[in-house]
Structures are given as C-alpha cells and as structure tokens.
Protein backbone atom coordinates (compact mmCIF):
# COMPACT_ATOMS: atom_id res chain seq x y z
CA UNK A 1 0.13 0.28 0.01
CA UNK A 2 1.42 3.45 -0.88
CA UNK A 3 1.84 5.62 2.14
CA UNK A 4 2.64 8.84 0.04
CA UNK A 5 0.16 11.61 0.69
CA UNK A 6 0.52 13.23 -2.74
CA UNK A 7 -0.42 9.84 -4.33
CA UNK A 8 -3.10 9.08 -1.82
CA UNK A 9 -4.71 12.39 -2.39
CA UNK A 10 -4.43 12.24 -5.99
CA UNK A 11 -5.80 8.76 -6.23
CA UNK A 12 -8.63 9.53 -3.87
CA UNK A 13 -9.95 12.62 -5.64
CA UNK A 14 -9.80 10.70 -9.09
CA UNK A 15 -12.01 8.07 -7.25
CA UNK A 16 -14.29 10.53 -5.90
CA UNK A 17 -14.77 12.34 -9.05
CA UNK A 18 -15.58 9.15 -10.80
CA UNK A 19 -18.23 8.48 -8.37
CA UNK A 20 -19.86 11.69 -9.25
CA UNK A 21 -18.90 13.73 -5.61
CA UNK A 22 -19.17 17.51 -6.40
CA UNK A 23 -15.68 18.36 -4.73
CA UNK A 24 -13.47 15.34 -4.99
CA UNK A 25 -10.14 17.14 -4.14
CA UNK A 26 -11.88 19.25 -1.06
CA UNK A 27 -13.46 16.11 0.11
CA UNK A 28 -10.18 13.92 -0.11
CA UNK A 29 -8.11 16.44 1.77
CA UNK A 30 -10.74 16.90 4.28
CA UNK A 31 -11.02 13.06 5.03
CA UNK A 32 -6.92 12.99 5.19
CA UNK A 33 -7.43 15.81 7.53
CA UNK A 34 -9.61 13.96 9.62
CA UNK A 35 -7.58 11.03 9.77
CA UNK A 36 -4.24 12.78 10.43
CA UNK A 37 -5.85 15.34 13.01
CA UNK A 38 -4.73 18.27 10.46
CA UNK A 39 -6.44 21.08 9.11
CA UNK A 40 -7.19 21.13 5.21
CA UNK A 41 -4.17 23.58 4.72
CA UNK A 42 -1.83 21.70 6.68
CA UNK A 43 -2.85 18.63 4.38
CA UNK A 44 -2.17 20.59 1.39
CA UNK A 45 1.15 21.36 2.48
CA UNK A 46 2.29 18.00 3.45
CA UNK A 47 0.83 16.67 0.11
CA UNK A 48 2.75 19.01 -1.82
CA UNK A 49 6.07 18.13 -0.02
CA UNK A 50 5.56 14.43 -0.36
CA UNK A 51 5.05 13.44 3.31
CA UNK A 52 4.87 9.83 3.95
CA UNK A 53 1.90 8.53 6.42
CA UNK A 54 2.00 5.10 8.33
CA UNK A 55 0.20 2.40 6.74
CA UNK A 56 -2.65 2.31 9.34
CA UNK A 57 -3.51 5.97 8.51
CA UNK A 58 -3.20 5.37 4.87
CA UNK A 59 -5.61 2.19 5.34
CA UNK A 60 -8.14 4.35 7.42
CA UNK A 61 -8.42 7.05 4.57
CA UNK A 62 -8.64 4.59 1.88
CA UNK A 63 -11.66 3.16 3.69
CA UNK A 64 -13.50 6.61 4.08
CA UNK A 65 -12.74 7.48 0.49
CA UNK A 66 -14.26 4.44 -0.31
CA UNK A 67 -17.48 5.08 1.76
CA UNK A 68 -17.50 8.79 0.43
CA UNK A 69 -17.29 7.20 -3.13
CA UNK A 70 -20.70 5.56 -2.06
CA UNK A 71 -22.18 8.88 -1.49
CA UNK A 72 -22.04 8.56 2.41
CA UNK A 73 -22.13 12.44 3.42
CA UNK A 74 -18.70 13.90 4.14
CA UNK A 75 -19.96 15.07 7.52
CA UNK A 76 -21.29 11.47 8.55
CA UNK A 77 -17.51 10.11 7.98
CA UNK A 78 -15.92 12.93 9.81
CA UNK A 79 -18.65 13.39 12.74
CA UNK A 80 -18.62 17.03 12.44
CA UNK A 81 -19.87 20.09 10.35
CA UNK A 82 -18.74 23.54 10.61
CA UNK A 83 -21.28 26.27 11.70
CA UNK A 84 -20.36 29.86 11.84
CA UNK A 85 -17.98 29.61 14.67
CA UNK A 86 -18.54 26.04 15.70
CA UNK A 87 -17.87 22.49 15.02
CA UNK A 88 -21.31 20.77 15.30
CA UNK A 89 -21.38 16.86 15.84
CA UNK A 90 -23.54 15.18 13.31
CA UNK A 91 -24.33 12.01 12.11
CA UNK A 92 -27.37 9.41 10.94
CA UNK A 93 -30.84 10.49 12.12
CA UNK A 94 -30.47 14.51 12.15
CA UNK A 95 -30.53 17.11 9.08
CA UNK A 96 -26.99 18.21 8.31
CA UNK A 97 -26.42 22.03 8.49
CA UNK A 98 -26.03 23.83 5.56
CA UNK A 99 -24.06 27.24 5.16
CA UNK A 100 -27.03 29.10 3.91
CA UNK A 101 -28.74 28.81 7.38
CA UNK A 102 -25.72 30.87 8.72
CA UNK A 103 -27.64 34.16 7.11
CA UNK A 104 -30.69 33.24 9.13
CA UNK A 105 -28.41 33.76 12.24
CA UNK A 106 -27.29 37.04 11.26
CA UNK A 107 -30.92 38.18 11.35
CA UNK A 108 -31.65 36.61 14.76
CA UNK A 109 -28.21 38.40 15.83
CA UNK A 110 -29.23 41.93 14.50
CA UNK A 111 -32.65 41.55 16.21
CA UNK A 112 -31.09 40.67 19.43
CA UNK A 113 -28.74 43.75 19.19
CA UNK A 114 -31.71 46.09 18.50
CA UNK A 115 -33.56 44.86 21.85
CA UNK A 116 -30.46 45.33 23.94
CA UNK A 117 -29.52 48.80 22.20
CA UNK A 118 -33.09 49.82 23.77
CA UNK A 119 -32.02 49.01 27.41
CA UNK A 120 -33.00 45.45 27.45
CA UNK A 121 -30.55 43.05 29.43
CA UNK A 122 -31.47 40.07 27.47
CA UNK A 123 -33.81 38.47 25.05
CA UNK A 124 -35.71 35.30 24.84
CA UNK A 125 -34.90 33.14 21.37
CA UNK A 126 -36.79 29.80 20.73
CA UNK A 127 -35.59 27.46 17.62
CA UNK A 128 -38.50 25.67 16.44
CA UNK A 129 -37.34 22.36 14.57
CA UNK A 130 -33.76 22.46 15.90
CA UNK A 131 -32.35 19.50 14.40
CA UNK A 132 -28.60 19.40 15.23
CA UNK A 133 -29.07 22.49 17.35
CA UNK A 134 -27.08 24.46 14.68
CA UNK A 135 -29.18 27.77 15.17
CA UNK A 136 -29.83 27.89 18.65
CA UNK A 137 -26.08 26.90 19.40
CA UNK A 138 -24.62 29.50 17.22
CA UNK A 139 -27.24 32.22 19.18
CA UNK A 140 -25.96 30.62 22.80
CA UNK A 141 -22.42 31.19 21.65
CA UNK A 142 -22.32 34.42 20.06
CA UNK A 143 -25.09 36.05 22.07
CA UNK A 144 -24.45 34.62 25.66
CA UNK A 145 -26.77 37.10 27.43
CA UNK A 146 -29.58 35.66 26.01
CA UNK A 147 -32.20 32.98 27.17
CA UNK A 148 -32.16 30.39 24.24
CA UNK A 149 -34.55 27.49 23.67
CA UNK A 150 -34.95 24.81 20.97
CA UNK A 151 -37.70 22.65 19.94
CA UNK A 152 -37.25 19.21 18.41
CA UNK A 153 -39.77 16.21 17.98
CA UNK A 154 -37.35 13.53 16.73
CA UNK A 155 -35.57 12.01 19.62
CA UNK A 156 -32.51 11.05 17.09
CA UNK A 157 -32.14 14.89 16.22
CA UNK A 158 -32.81 15.87 19.97
CA UNK A 159 -29.87 13.57 20.85
CA UNK A 160 -27.38 15.36 18.57
CA UNK A 161 -28.65 18.79 19.56
CA UNK A 162 -28.07 17.77 23.32
CA UNK A 163 -24.71 17.01 22.40
CA UNK A 164 -23.94 19.91 20.77
CA UNK A 165 -25.51 22.26 23.40
CA UNK A 166 -23.35 20.43 26.12
CA UNK A 167 -20.41 21.07 23.76
CA UNK A 168 -20.76 25.25 23.55
CA UNK A 169 -17.71 27.17 24.57
CA UNK A 170 -17.32 28.34 28.02
CA UNK A 171 -19.37 31.39 28.44
CA UNK A 172 -22.14 30.46 26.17
CA UNK A 173 -25.68 30.71 27.05
CA UNK A 174 -27.40 27.35 28.34
CA UNK A 175 -30.07 26.01 25.90
CA UNK A 176 -33.31 24.57 27.00
CA UNK A 177 -34.50 21.53 24.74
CA UNK A 178 -37.79 20.79 24.36
CA UNK A 179 -38.25 17.45 22.93
CA UNK A 180 -41.71 17.82 21.35
CA UNK A 181 -43.68 18.66 18.06
CA UNK A 182 -43.40 22.58 17.28
CA UNK A 183 -47.23 22.50 16.56
CA UNK A 184 -47.41 21.79 20.18
CA UNK A 185 -44.86 24.25 21.93
CA UNK A 186 -46.90 26.57 24.28
CA UNK A 187 -44.42 28.30 26.16
CA UNK A 188 -44.83 32.01 25.55
CA UNK A 189 -43.17 35.44 25.96
CA UNK A 190 -40.40 34.85 23.31
CA UNK A 191 -38.96 37.88 21.56
CA UNK A 192 -37.76 35.81 18.54
CA UNK A 193 -38.94 32.66 17.06
CA UNK A 194 -36.39 31.19 14.20
CA UNK A 195 -37.18 28.25 12.62
CA UNK A 196 -35.53 26.34 9.54
CA UNK A 197 -38.54 23.50 9.32
CA UNK A 198 -38.85 20.67 6.36
CA UNK A 199 -40.12 22.42 3.55
CA UNK A 200 -39.66 20.27 0.32
CA UNK A 201 -42.81 19.12 -1.28
CA UNK A 202 -43.35 15.42 -1.36
CA UNK A 203 -43.15 14.95 -5.12
CA UNK A 204 -39.73 16.51 -5.34
CA UNK A 205 -37.04 13.72 -4.12
CA UNK A 206 -33.77 15.77 -3.93
CA UNK A 207 -31.49 14.62 -6.45
CA UNK A 208 -28.24 14.47 -4.37
CA UNK A 209 -28.07 10.91 -3.05
CA UNK A 210 -26.35 12.43 0.32
CA UNK A 211 -29.77 14.28 0.95
CA UNK A 212 -32.45 11.67 -0.33
CA UNK A 213 -30.77 8.70 1.18
CA UNK A 214 -29.15 10.39 4.39
CA UNK A 215 -31.12 13.01 5.78
CA UNK A 216 -34.45 11.96 7.51
CA UNK A 217 -37.39 12.32 5.49
CA UNK A 218 -38.79 14.09 8.45
CA UNK A 219 -36.21 16.99 7.99
CA UNK A 220 -36.81 17.22 4.64
CA UNK A 221 -40.51 17.36 3.40
CA UNK A 222 -42.63 20.10 4.91
CA UNK A 223 -46.11 18.34 4.25
CA UNK A 224 -48.61 18.81 1.60
CA UNK A 225 -48.32 19.46 -2.00
CA UNK A 226 -46.53 22.77 -1.85
CA UNK A 227 -44.19 21.76 1.07
CA UNK A 228 -45.46 24.45 3.42
CA UNK A 229 -47.43 22.46 6.11
CA UNK A 230 -44.89 22.79 8.55
CA UNK A 231 -43.64 26.10 7.75
CA UNK A 232 -47.35 27.44 8.14
CA UNK A 233 -47.41 25.51 11.74
CA UNK A 234 -44.30 27.53 12.53
CA UNK A 235 -45.89 30.81 11.71
CA UNK A 236 -48.94 29.71 13.77
CA UNK A 237 -46.81 28.68 16.79
CA UNK A 238 -44.86 31.98 16.39
CA UNK A 239 -48.19 34.19 16.53
CA UNK A 240 -48.77 32.23 20.02
CA UNK A 241 -45.44 32.45 21.58
CA UNK A 242 -44.06 36.18 20.47
CA UNK A 243 -44.16 39.06 22.36
CA UNK A 244 -45.87 41.95 20.78
CA UNK A 245 -43.20 43.15 18.60
CA UNK A 246 -41.73 39.98 18.76
CA UNK A 247 -39.94 38.90 15.19
CA UNK A 248 -40.15 35.47 13.63
CA UNK A 249 -37.63 34.57 10.88
CA UNK A 250 -38.24 31.55 8.74
CA UNK A 251 -35.77 29.60 6.33
CA UNK A 252 -37.53 28.31 2.91
CA UNK A 253 -36.70 27.54 -0.54
CA UNK A 254 -36.23 30.27 -2.65
CA UNK A 255 -39.41 29.26 -4.91
CA UNK A 256 -41.51 29.63 -1.86
CA UNK A 257 -40.47 33.14 -0.72
CA UNK A 258 -43.40 34.66 -2.46
CA UNK A 259 -45.99 32.61 -1.28
CA UNK A 260 -44.71 32.66 2.45
CA UNK A 261 -44.54 36.60 2.17
CA UNK A 262 -48.08 36.25 1.18
CA UNK A 263 -49.05 33.78 4.20
CA UNK A 264 -47.19 36.25 6.78
CA UNK A 265 -49.23 39.40 5.45
CA UNK A 266 -52.16 37.52 5.89
CA UNK A 267 -51.73 36.33 9.15
CA UNK A 268 -54.22 38.25 11.66
CA UNK A 269 -51.44 38.72 14.30
CA UNK A 270 -48.23 39.64 11.94
CA UNK A 271 -47.19 42.67 10.22
CA UNK A 272 -43.83 44.27 8.64
CA UNK A 273 -43.12 41.10 6.49
CA UNK A 274 -39.86 40.87 4.76
CA UNK A 275 -37.65 38.57 2.68
CA UNK A 276 -34.13 37.87 3.17
CA UNK A 277 -31.28 36.66 0.85
CA UNK A 278 -28.77 34.38 1.65
CA UNK A 279 -24.97 34.71 0.76
CA UNK A 280 -25.60 33.99 -3.13
CA UNK A 281 -28.36 36.60 -3.49
CA UNK A 282 -31.18 34.05 -3.45
CA UNK A 283 -34.44 34.81 -1.35
CA UNK A 284 -34.11 32.11 1.39
CA UNK A 285 -36.23 33.76 4.54
CA UNK A 286 -38.95 35.89 5.36
CA UNK A 287 -39.59 37.66 8.39
CA UNK A 288 -42.43 39.14 10.18
CA UNK A 289 -43.33 40.98 13.57
CA UNK A 290 -46.11 40.19 15.89
CA UNK A 291 -48.55 43.03 15.31
CA UNK A 292 -48.58 45.14 18.46
CA UNK A 293 -51.68 44.79 20.33
CA UNK A 294 -52.53 40.99 19.17
CA UNK A 295 -52.95 38.29 21.64
CA UNK A 296 -49.59 36.41 22.84
CA UNK A 297 -48.79 34.53 25.44
CA UNK A 298 -46.75 35.01 28.52
CA UNK A 299 -43.51 33.52 29.66
CA UNK A 300 -44.43 29.87 31.21
CA UNK A 301 -46.80 27.18 30.14
CA UNK A 302 -43.91 24.94 29.30
CA UNK A 303 -44.02 21.50 28.13
CA UNK A 304 -41.45 18.74 28.40
CA UNK A 305 -38.10 20.09 28.73
CA UNK A 306 -34.70 19.83 30.21
CA UNK A 307 -31.43 21.96 30.21
CA UNK A 308 -28.52 20.86 28.39
C-alpha cells in the first residue's frame, strides 16, 4: 500500500470524481485531515512536500474514501459540520446544517442587538425544529446574554442537539431543549422565533444521494403538495408565543418566498413582512413582526423540557 500522501490524495480525488462527488479534491483533503488530525491547509502542504504517512492511517483514509464514493455524506464520515464559529457533531438521524442557514442567524443576532440597544438586558429566543441544534447553538455562543430554547420532535435529532449544546464554548448561554412537536409548543413570551423547518414538497425528491438517502425524511418534507404544511405551523406557533413586536424569521426554498410572504402578510397577528437573501443573493428567508396589540402568551406554560 502506498503511503505517500500526494499519491493518496491524487488517487482519492480521482475515485471521488468518478463517483460523481461534486468536490472530490476538497473532500479527499478533508478526509485526510480527519484521519491525520490536521487542518485542510496542513494536508495540502504535506501533500505538496511528498510526506509519508503510516500504513494504518493510509488504510483508514482509503476506507473513508470508499465510503464517500458510495455517497455517504462527508459530515457523517468526519462526525462534524462547521457552522459559523462552531464545529457541530452530526450523524445519522439528523439534518446536516447548511451554510445558507448561517445568514438566518445573522438576522436573529441583529434583532437581539436591536433589543439590547433599547435597554433590555437580554432576549428570549426559540428555535423551532432545531435538528442538530445549529441555530440555537450559534445564538447561544455568539449572544451569551440571551435565554435560548430549542424545540425538536425527533429523538434522534434531539440527541445530537443535546450533545452540541453540552459542547458549547465556555461562557455561552445554556439552551433549554424541548423534545416535542413544534405545533404543540406552548410556552410564550419570546422576543424571537426562528426556524429552518422541513419545506420540500413530497413530490420533489432531492437529486443528491447524500440528501435523499441520508437526511431523514422528517427533516426534508414539509407536508402538503407545496411543502408548506410545517412552515405554516411555524407561523401559527410564532403568532402564539411571540411578545408584541417580537420577530419571526423562517428559512425556506427560494421558490417559496413569494407564497410565504403572502401567508405571513395574511396572518392576523403579523405585519412588517420582509424577505431576506442568503449569501448567494437568493430569497431564502422571510421575517415578520408580531403586531403590537395582538394576543400573545406570557412566559411559562412550558411542556416537556430539559436544560442541556
């Protein structure tokens, strides 16, 4: 077995390209970094200098490359996914966080900063359908003065979220995890409701094997012919649990932006509807503000929960 890193990377990239992996060289370098406990940049340098690695590491890399060629998600093989300032633990049973969701966190942080600038000491945030806990964890890490909650119905996904909340950097806010359906969440008094719910129509099976074969169906398909059953449920829950003037921010597919803007505009307790673009300029999120004077719940009335 060759143990020359340059040759291993070249052969791995060729194997992954043959399998249709979109970024074969990048994935080969990241898998090598995982095996060798090196950054991707360090792997690139060692590859250029013809470094030799031991046979055990070379064998482990070849096994991982073969799995990636079968289109097992890279994040399942490394066990981690980067999200903003965090390295989240991920694996089977939960949706892998995507980079575009990071822009949704930007909207949440801007709203928290607005609230604090008006004299509040803190803000209450709830992430509906948290999955691996990406949004809630990022908010807790970047705005530790906040009170952060997360809701997830899947026991598998909630286990990943609990693990990620327990691994937050020192000084982060704690996150209260509620294992229940977001449609049943009843605690009120939140300044921000944020969600990246399932929203794919059942008739639109994702083309990428990494998505349709490994992301759980409950994290992909939003229900109904338009995929908007769960996004509508998020909007309904937000109307119940937001304080007057509180903000809802909801991620969705770009083709759903116009319809979700219409749905939010028609909601009796929401106004100030706005579409937000992701880092590629696509309309990927909609926000709306709880209408002052509309009914909203006070803090309390919590259901099943535990603090991670």
